[in-house]
Amino acid sequence: MTTHGGPGAGGDLLTVPQVMARLQLGRSAVYDLLRTRQLASITLGRARRIPTHALNDFIRTRLEQEAA
């Protein structure tokens, strides 16, 4: 699913299963990250979507924490 904004606009939205696959985590772990607001998301109706920039920011933050 892609929002309007054109290519490279950073507007891609990921589903929870897509985030699960990218992080190689289970559903509960991903929902824990969402619940604790470590990973930002939006809700569209009953569907939860994670902007790609939010996932990239999460990964970058975790890498910086590991390096410190």
Foldseek 3Di string as FASTA:
>chain_A
DFDPDDPPRQGDKAFLVVLCVVVVHDSVVSVVCPVVVLADWDQDPNGIIGRPVSVVVSVVVVVVVVVD
